């Protein structure tokens, strides 16, 4: 039975009313999101490019950051509530703060130098650490974040390796893989809650790139724990940088023509020789990595993670190939991690980027 004219008018009024209410709700939502966008602590040009989903994602991250960091630092004696100066450029990696569940709290802006993503891009793509960690390492990272939940020892260091995704731009520039291996080192801290028993735990870490033959010079030039050395194919020293002089306690002119093996701990000579032979037999197509102990001029033993690879005609007065070593001085605890986990990334294809020899 067809509706009467009166019923048709009533239905039409109801439809118009629903459309009007829907438009009013949409306008209200748009206004609220616009207000959130204006409150974001970002440059105006960056705010204008954000979609509504990105605005809401960033808002969640910034609110989480303010709530957690304010409680954390206010609860620490001797800390100031003033904003700290930007010291990220002096670090050997980027800073990361995340909850045990992997929710992002803070990422320093120099993350762009290491992964290519801007801080804003990373937070708008998602608010989880797992959005930037390679899927193959999700289990490793999750296990580290959840290990010892409920028991926080601020003096206990947590460290592990994982692969992180690079931006498309950096992939094109690097021309080598889609991920970068990062050494994540930090500790857990407890954030006080409003009520007893509502404390929250966050993981505060420094993420540094694993030093490989393809790493950019700019990422290690400020790292005083890294030095470089040039060797003949038999591993006799040709040149040692200033950082190397400091760590080994010997001048460049005094170490030239001496064998690298004479500075190795006797127990590590066999492994070093195996890697050295492997490098030479690879017809210079591969680089290799090893973690060994070196003996300084004063007799002190230091742990060093070394990446070595062959370069053709690096010296202007010779056409002979040389072996270039990038040496990273590490702690004994880190040495164990490098030996166990670093073997996953021990071999790298040889490349020829603009990697100049400096101090």
Foldseek 3Di string as FASTA:
>chain_A
DDDDPVVVVVVVVVVVVVVVVVVVVVVVVVVVLVVLLVPDPDDPVVSVPDDSLLSVLSSVQAVLLCQQVVQQQVPDPPGDPDDDDDPQLLDLFWKFKAFLVFFGNDIDQCNCVVAVDGPSRVSSVHRGNVVFFDPVCPVVSNCQSPPPPPDFDQVDKGKAKTWTAHDPVVCVVLVFDGTFIWIKMWGKDWGDDPDPPPITIMTITGIHTDDEQSDDPSSCVSPLQKWKFKAALQQQTQATAPSRCVVQVHDGVVRGRPHPLVFFDPVCSVVVVVQSVVQVVVVQFKKFWDWTWTAHPVRDIWIKIKIKGWDACLDPVDRHIIIMIMIGTDDPVVSVNCVVVVVVVGMDTDDDDPDHHHD
